[in-house]
Amino acid sequence: MNIFRKFGSKKNSKGVIGESSDSDLHPRRLAEVRPCEWPHTPFLEEAGILQEFTQYAANAGLTDFIADECDQHQILTNIFVQSFTFLPRNNPPEVSFDLYAENHQIPLTEFCDICMIPSDGSLAEPRPTEFEAFYRTLTVGDERGVSAITAAGLHFPAVHYFALFIAKCLLAREKVGALSSPDLAVLRRALEGDNTYSLGAIVARRLHINKSKGKIHGGIFATRLAAHFEVEIRPHDFPLTTVYLDRAAMDHHHFTDIESPHIPIPYNLVSSMRTRDVIPLPAPALFDSVARGGYRIMPADIIAYRNAQAAAEAEEEPQQWDEWMPAPQHPYYPPGY
């Protein structure tokens, strides 16, 4: 017997859409519930960017957040997100939410501690104009400005991957289009240790927005809060599929070039809307932030990298000798040679 059918829910490969039959639960709208997507360590290792990603996570104060790979549940997440309210004007700032039928209102700092995200920094909402200089350290050739920058336009693969993690895991967004100011605030913290803005406030504001539009994300926060307040998962609240930012996800997000099947990990290095290069990963000599003085790649860098690769391959190629041809003995040189 399919125990999920009586609750009127429909499940696909990632998400669930439907309402609980529990009479004490009243979601505001009918929406698909999707899981937050976890970083995929095997892919990071294979691409040669695990060390950089780990360092970015540490800089942002998200090491423990990533390490605790908790389950996410359809009904719990749905009720939690659709009831979530950020109250930044309260003193101290607070968040309010439901865990099934239980309502909780707690300080933002407590929410951050439970969910393993930093609370330090301003509660103000980041603005695009504040990231113009930072944007120029990440890409070159795209003149559309900071408001149009996308994850695909980030040159370094570790930075590109971390931006995808911010959108699909931390900030629980459905689409990864143009990077928002909150995305850039988190990314700047990861790369430069800049804690101008509170990650807790950024996450809380995102959950507050998510309750009223779009598909439902945020199961990581719902699960951790439920565990903290000892709210038991209801017997019929099945877990959402665990989803990773693996190779298949990288193909979907155009991190890798699907038209280069002969290359194990063909990275899409996008310079502009009409210019890109496919770089086989790992490529630590090219994506060296110290050597480049930042996180962007110039055309001359790619040429120099490929020339160095070609020279190294030529040196490694063994010279072929015909074993049946004896070495010359006492060669004769005619007069005038």
Protein backbone atom coordinates (compact mmCIF):
# COMPACT_ATOMS: atom_id res chain seq x y z
CA MET A 1 0.00 0.00 0.00
CA ASN A 2 1.28 3.47 -0.84
CA ILE A 3 0.95 5.31 2.46
CA PHE A 4 1.62 8.67 0.79
CA ARG A 5 -1.39 8.56 -1.52
CA LYS A 6 -3.98 9.16 1.18
CA PHE A 7 -2.32 12.48 1.98
CA GLY A 8 -2.86 13.78 -1.55
CA SER A 9 0.82 14.38 -2.29
CA LYS A 10 2.63 13.86 -5.58
CA LYS A 11 6.37 13.13 -5.54
CA ASN A 12 8.86 13.69 -8.35
CA SER A 13 12.61 13.08 -8.54
CA LYS A 14 13.42 15.97 -6.20
CA GLY A 15 10.35 17.58 -4.71
CA VAL A 16 6.87 16.99 -3.37
CA ILE A 17 3.70 18.94 -4.00
CA GLY A 18 0.60 18.61 -1.89
CA GLU A 19 -1.04 19.26 1.47
CA SER A 20 -1.01 17.27 4.65
CA SER A 21 -4.29 15.71 5.77
CA ASP A 22 -3.46 16.58 9.39
CA SER A 23 -6.34 18.71 10.64
CA ASP A 24 -4.06 20.84 12.84
CA LEU A 25 -1.87 21.98 9.93
CA HIS A 26 -2.93 24.77 7.60
CA PRO A 27 -0.36 25.77 4.94
CA ARG A 28 -1.13 29.11 3.34
CA ARG A 29 -0.72 27.92 -0.25
CA LEU A 30 -0.25 24.82 -2.36
CA ALA A 31 3.38 24.62 -3.48
CA GLU A 32 6.02 22.07 -4.39
CA VAL A 33 8.51 21.32 -1.64
CA ARG A 34 12.11 20.85 -2.77
CA PRO A 35 15.22 19.86 -0.83
CA CYS A 36 18.25 22.06 -0.34
CA GLU A 37 21.18 20.59 -2.30
CA TRP A 38 24.37 19.52 -0.52
CA PRO A 39 27.96 19.94 -1.70
CA HIS A 40 29.32 16.72 -3.25
CA THR A 41 32.76 15.87 -1.87
CA PRO A 42 33.67 13.23 -4.53
CA PHE A 43 33.06 15.76 -7.33
CA LEU A 44 35.01 18.46 -5.51
CA GLU A 45 37.94 16.06 -5.10
CA GLU A 46 37.83 14.93 -8.72
CA ALA A 47 37.73 18.54 -9.94
CA GLY A 48 40.66 19.48 -7.69
CA ILE A 49 38.76 22.22 -5.85
CA LEU A 50 37.95 20.58 -2.50
CA GLN A 51 40.71 22.41 -0.61
CA GLU A 52 39.59 25.82 -1.87
CA PHE A 53 35.91 25.07 -1.22
CA THR A 54 36.71 23.92 2.32
CA GLN A 55 38.67 27.12 2.96
CA TYR A 56 35.84 29.30 1.66
CA ALA A 57 33.40 27.48 3.93
CA ALA A 58 35.69 28.06 6.92
CA ASN A 59 36.08 31.75 6.05
CA ALA A 60 32.30 32.11 5.93
CA GLY A 61 31.79 30.23 9.21
CA LEU A 62 29.87 27.43 7.48
CA THR A 63 32.04 24.38 8.16
CA ASP A 64 29.64 22.88 10.71
CA PHE A 65 26.62 23.85 8.60
CA ILE A 66 27.95 21.70 5.73
CA ALA A 67 29.19 18.83 7.90
CA ASP A 68 25.77 18.15 9.46
CA GLU A 69 24.04 16.62 6.43
CA CYS A 70 20.58 16.23 7.96
CA ASP A 71 17.41 14.81 6.45
CA GLN A 72 14.70 17.13 5.13
CA HIS A 73 10.98 16.37 5.38
CA GLN A 74 8.09 17.41 3.16
CA ILE A 75 5.37 18.41 5.65
CA LEU A 76 7.72 19.84 8.28
CA THR A 77 9.50 21.98 5.65
CA ASN A 78 6.24 23.12 4.08
CA ILE A 79 4.70 24.28 7.35
CA PHE A 80 7.96 25.80 8.61
CA VAL A 81 8.69 27.91 5.53
CA GLN A 82 5.09 29.04 4.95
CA SER A 83 4.89 30.26 8.56
CA PHE A 84 8.36 31.79 8.79
CA THR A 85 8.54 35.49 9.66
CA PHE A 86 11.64 37.63 10.13
CA LEU A 87 11.18 40.36 12.74
CA PRO A 88 14.28 42.58 12.41
CA ARG A 89 12.70 45.54 14.23
CA ASN A 90 12.10 43.62 17.44
CA ASN A 91 14.58 44.19 20.22
CA PRO A 92 16.40 41.88 19.97
CA PRO A 93 15.63 40.85 16.35
CA GLU A 94 13.60 37.65 16.23
CA VAL A 95 12.18 34.99 13.94
CA SER A 96 8.82 33.26 14.23
CA PHE A 97 7.89 29.88 12.71
CA ASP A 98 5.79 26.75 13.13
CA LEU A 99 7.12 23.24 13.56
CA TYR A 100 4.01 21.31 12.60
CA ALA A 101 1.40 22.80 14.99
CA GLU A 102 3.93 24.26 17.45
CA ASN A 103 4.70 27.96 17.15
CA HIS A 104 8.08 29.29 18.22
CA GLN A 105 9.45 32.82 18.38
CA ILE A 106 13.12 33.11 19.24
CA PRO A 107 15.96 35.65 18.94
CA LEU A 108 17.78 35.66 15.60
CA THR A 109 21.03 34.82 17.37
CA GLU A 110 19.47 31.64 18.81
CA PHE A 111 18.13 30.70 15.37
CA CYS A 112 21.65 31.11 13.98
CA ASP A 113 23.25 29.02 16.73
CA ILE A 114 20.77 26.17 16.22
CA CYS A 115 21.10 26.25 12.43
CA MET A 116 24.92 26.61 12.49
CA ILE A 117 25.22 29.92 10.65
CA PRO A 118 27.06 33.07 11.78
CA SER A 119 25.00 35.88 13.29
CA ASP A 120 27.60 38.66 13.37
CA GLY A 121 27.28 41.62 11.03
CA SER A 122 24.67 44.17 10.02
CA LEU A 123 21.02 43.20 9.68
CA ALA A 124 20.61 45.64 6.78
CA GLU A 125 19.84 44.29 3.33
CA PRO A 126 22.89 44.36 1.00
CA ARG A 127 22.68 46.67 -2.05
CA PRO A 128 24.19 45.96 -5.51
CA THR A 129 26.26 49.16 -5.65
CA GLU A 130 28.28 47.97 -2.66
CA PHE A 131 29.72 45.08 -4.66
CA GLU A 132 31.02 46.82 -7.80
CA ALA A 133 34.68 46.60 -6.73
CA PHE A 134 34.30 43.00 -5.54
CA TYR A 135 32.62 42.06 -8.83
CA ARG A 136 35.64 43.33 -10.76
CA THR A 137 37.90 40.85 -8.94
CA LEU A 138 35.80 37.89 -10.08
CA THR A 139 35.35 38.29 -13.83
CA VAL A 140 36.51 40.24 -16.85
CA GLY A 141 34.94 40.80 -20.27
CA ASP A 142 31.35 40.95 -19.02
CA GLU A 143 30.37 44.61 -19.02
CA ARG A 144 26.74 44.15 -17.99
CA GLY A 145 27.53 45.19 -14.44
CA VAL A 146 27.14 43.72 -10.97
CA SER A 147 23.35 43.37 -11.23
CA ALA A 148 23.70 40.98 -14.18
CA ILE A 149 26.55 38.78 -12.93
CA THR A 150 25.73 35.06 -12.87
CA ALA A 151 27.42 32.07 -11.26
CA ALA A 152 28.40 30.89 -14.76
CA GLY A 153 30.31 34.14 -15.26
CA LEU A 154 32.66 33.48 -12.32
CA HIS A 155 36.05 32.38 -13.62
CA PHE A 156 37.54 30.22 -10.86
CA PRO A 157 35.76 26.84 -10.61
CA ALA A 158 35.97 26.78 -6.80
CA VAL A 159 34.36 30.23 -6.63
CA HIS A 160 31.75 29.21 -9.23
CA TYR A 161 30.90 26.07 -7.24
CA PHE A 162 30.67 27.98 -3.96
CA ALA A 163 28.22 30.41 -5.56
CA LEU A 164 26.05 27.44 -6.57
CA PHE A 165 26.24 26.13 -3.00
CA ILE A 166 25.11 29.53 -1.66
CA ALA A 167 22.08 29.59 -3.94
CA LYS A 168 21.00 25.94 -3.81
CA CYS A 169 21.88 25.00 -0.22
CA LEU A 170 22.37 27.96 2.10
CA LEU A 171 19.84 30.44 0.67
CA ALA A 172 17.47 27.73 -0.58
CA ARG A 173 16.73 29.22 -3.99
CA GLU A 174 15.01 27.38 -6.82
CA LYS A 175 16.79 29.10 -9.72
CA VAL A 176 20.40 30.14 -10.08
CA GLY A 177 20.22 33.13 -12.39
CA ALA A 178 21.81 36.49 -11.72
CA LEU A 179 23.62 36.55 -8.39
CA SER A 180 21.72 38.68 -5.89
CA SER A 181 23.30 41.12 -3.46
CA PRO A 182 22.86 38.58 -0.61
CA ASP A 183 24.67 35.97 -2.74
CA LEU A 184 27.55 38.39 -3.25
CA ALA A 185 27.64 39.29 0.45
CA VAL A 186 28.08 35.62 1.38
CA LEU A 187 30.61 35.08 -1.42
CA ARG A 188 32.66 38.10 -0.34
CA ARG A 189 32.71 36.77 3.20
CA ALA A 190 33.94 33.39 1.92
CA LEU A 191 36.70 34.86 -0.25
CA GLU A 192 37.78 37.89 1.76
CA GLY A 193 36.50 37.23 5.29
CA ASP A 194 34.27 40.32 5.07
CA ASN A 195 31.56 40.06 7.74
CA THR A 196 29.78 43.34 6.98
CA TYR A 197 26.44 41.57 6.70
CA SER A 198 24.91 38.97 9.00
CA LEU A 199 24.49 35.60 7.30
CA GLY A 200 21.71 34.86 9.76
CA ALA A 201 19.76 37.92 8.64
CA ILE A 202 20.36 37.04 4.98
CA VAL A 203 19.00 33.51 5.49
CA ALA A 204 16.05 34.73 7.59
CA ARG A 205 15.09 37.32 4.99
CA ARG A 206 15.27 34.69 2.25
CA LEU A 207 13.01 32.29 4.16
CA HIS A 208 10.58 35.15 4.84
CA ILE A 209 10.34 35.82 1.09
CA ASN A 210 10.07 32.15 0.18
CA LYS A 211 6.90 31.66 2.22
CA SER A 212 4.83 33.77 -0.15
CA LYS A 213 6.08 32.80 -3.61
CA GLY A 214 7.84 30.08 -5.53
CA LYS A 215 8.61 26.51 -4.60
CA ILE A 216 9.29 25.73 -0.95
CA HIS A 217 12.90 25.29 0.20
CA GLY A 218 14.51 25.38 3.62
CA GLY A 219 14.30 21.86 5.01
CA ILE A 220 17.75 22.03 6.59
CA PHE A 221 16.62 24.79 8.95
CA ALA A 222 13.30 23.10 9.74
CA THR A 223 15.00 19.81 10.63
CA ARG A 224 17.62 21.41 12.88
CA LEU A 225 15.06 23.49 14.72
CA ALA A 226 12.76 20.49 15.17
CA ALA A 227 15.65 18.48 16.64
CA HIS A 228 16.56 21.33 19.00
CA PHE A 229 13.00 21.76 20.28
CA GLU A 230 12.50 17.97 20.45
CA VAL A 231 9.67 17.99 17.92
CA GLU A 232 9.29 14.45 16.63
CA ILE A 233 8.94 13.90 12.89
CA ARG A 234 5.41 12.69 12.26
CA PRO A 235 5.18 9.06 11.11
CA HIS A 236 3.76 9.87 7.67
CA ASP A 237 6.10 12.82 6.97
CA PHE A 238 8.48 11.14 4.56
CA PRO A 239 11.98 12.50 3.88
CA LEU A 240 12.70 14.39 0.70
CA THR A 241 15.22 12.91 -1.70
CA THR A 242 18.79 13.78 -0.77
CA VAL A 243 20.19 15.84 -3.64
CA TYR A 244 23.80 16.78 -4.25
CA LEU A 245 25.64 19.32 -6.36
CA ASP A 246 27.30 16.45 -8.22
CA ARG A 247 28.44 16.04 -11.82
CA ALA A 248 24.86 15.78 -13.12
CA ALA A 249 23.99 19.02 -11.32
CA MET A 250 27.11 20.67 -12.75
CA ASP A 251 26.01 19.74 -16.28
CA HIS A 252 22.59 21.24 -15.54
CA HIS A 253 24.09 24.49 -14.24
CA HIS A 254 26.53 24.75 -17.21
CA PHE A 255 29.51 24.42 -14.89
CA THR A 256 30.70 21.67 -17.23
CA ASP A 257 30.47 21.47 -21.02
CA ILE A 258 28.20 18.60 -22.06
CA GLU A 259 29.55 18.81 -25.62
CA SER A 260 33.03 17.66 -24.53
CA PRO A 261 32.48 14.04 -23.47
CA HIS A 262 36.13 13.16 -24.20
CA ILE A 263 37.25 15.36 -21.27
CA PRO A 264 36.57 13.92 -17.77
CA ILE A 265 35.65 17.32 -16.26
CA PRO A 266 35.37 19.98 -19.00
CA TYR A 267 35.01 23.29 -17.14
CA ASN A 268 33.17 26.14 -18.84
CA LEU A 269 35.30 29.25 -18.40
CA VAL A 270 32.98 32.04 -19.54
CA SER A 271 34.54 35.41 -20.36
CA SER A 272 31.49 37.07 -21.91
CA MET A 273 28.14 36.21 -23.42
CA ARG A 274 29.93 35.17 -26.65
CA THR A 275 33.32 33.98 -25.40
CA ARG A 276 34.19 30.87 -23.45
CA ASP A 277 36.97 28.29 -23.14
CA VAL A 278 36.73 24.67 -22.07
CA ILE A 279 39.40 23.88 -19.47
CA PRO A 280 39.97 20.28 -18.30
CA LEU A 281 39.95 20.07 -14.51
CA PRO A 282 41.92 19.85 -12.31
CA ALA A 283 43.93 22.89 -13.45
CA PRO A 284 45.66 24.29 -10.33
CA ALA A 285 48.36 26.11 -12.32
CA LEU A 286 45.75 28.19 -14.13
CA PHE A 287 43.33 28.78 -11.25
CA ASP A 288 45.90 30.09 -8.78
CA SER A 289 44.53 33.16 -7.02
CA VAL A 290 47.97 34.20 -5.76
CA ALA A 291 49.56 34.04 -9.21
CA ARG A 292 46.58 35.80 -10.79
CA GLY A 293 46.27 38.43 -8.07
CA GLY A 294 42.57 37.67 -7.72
CA TYR A 295 39.91 35.39 -9.08
CA ARG A 296 39.74 36.26 -12.76
CA ILE A 297 41.50 34.85 -15.81
CA MET A 298 42.79 36.98 -18.69
CA PRO A 299 43.08 35.62 -22.28
CA ALA A 300 46.88 35.81 -22.01
CA ASP A 301 46.72 33.56 -18.92
CA ILE A 302 44.92 30.84 -20.89
CA ILE A 303 47.41 31.06 -23.77
CA ALA A 304 50.39 30.85 -21.41
CA TYR A 305 48.81 27.93 -19.53
CA ARG A 306 48.17 25.95 -22.71
CA ASN A 307 51.67 26.66 -24.05
CA ALA A 308 53.17 25.44 -20.78
CA GLN A 309 51.03 22.32 -20.93
CA ALA A 310 52.10 21.60 -24.52
CA ALA A 311 55.77 22.06 -23.63
CA ALA A 312 55.47 19.75 -20.61
CA GLU A 313 53.75 17.07 -22.70
CA ALA A 314 56.46 17.32 -25.37
CA GLU A 315 59.18 16.80 -22.77
CA GLU A 316 57.42 13.77 -21.32
CA GLU A 317 56.88 12.10 -24.69
CA PRO A 318 59.54 9.36 -25.08
CA GLN A 319 61.73 9.45 -28.21
CA GLN A 320 61.04 6.54 -30.54
CA TRP A 321 64.03 4.49 -31.78
CA ASP A 322 64.09 1.71 -34.35
CA GLU A 323 65.66 -1.20 -32.50
CA TRP A 324 66.71 -2.82 -35.79
CA MET A 325 68.68 0.21 -36.98
CA PRO A 326 72.22 0.16 -35.53
CA ALA A 327 73.79 3.36 -34.32
CA PRO A 328 76.15 4.93 -36.90
CA GLN A 329 79.83 3.93 -36.61
CA HIS A 330 82.64 6.13 -37.97
CA PRO A 331 80.36 8.21 -40.20
CA TYR A 332 81.87 9.54 -43.45
CA TYR A 333 81.56 13.25 -44.15
CA PRO A 334 82.36 14.28 -47.77
CA PRO A 335 84.73 17.17 -48.46
CA GLY A 336 83.18 20.54 -47.86
CA TYR A 337 80.62 19.21 -45.41
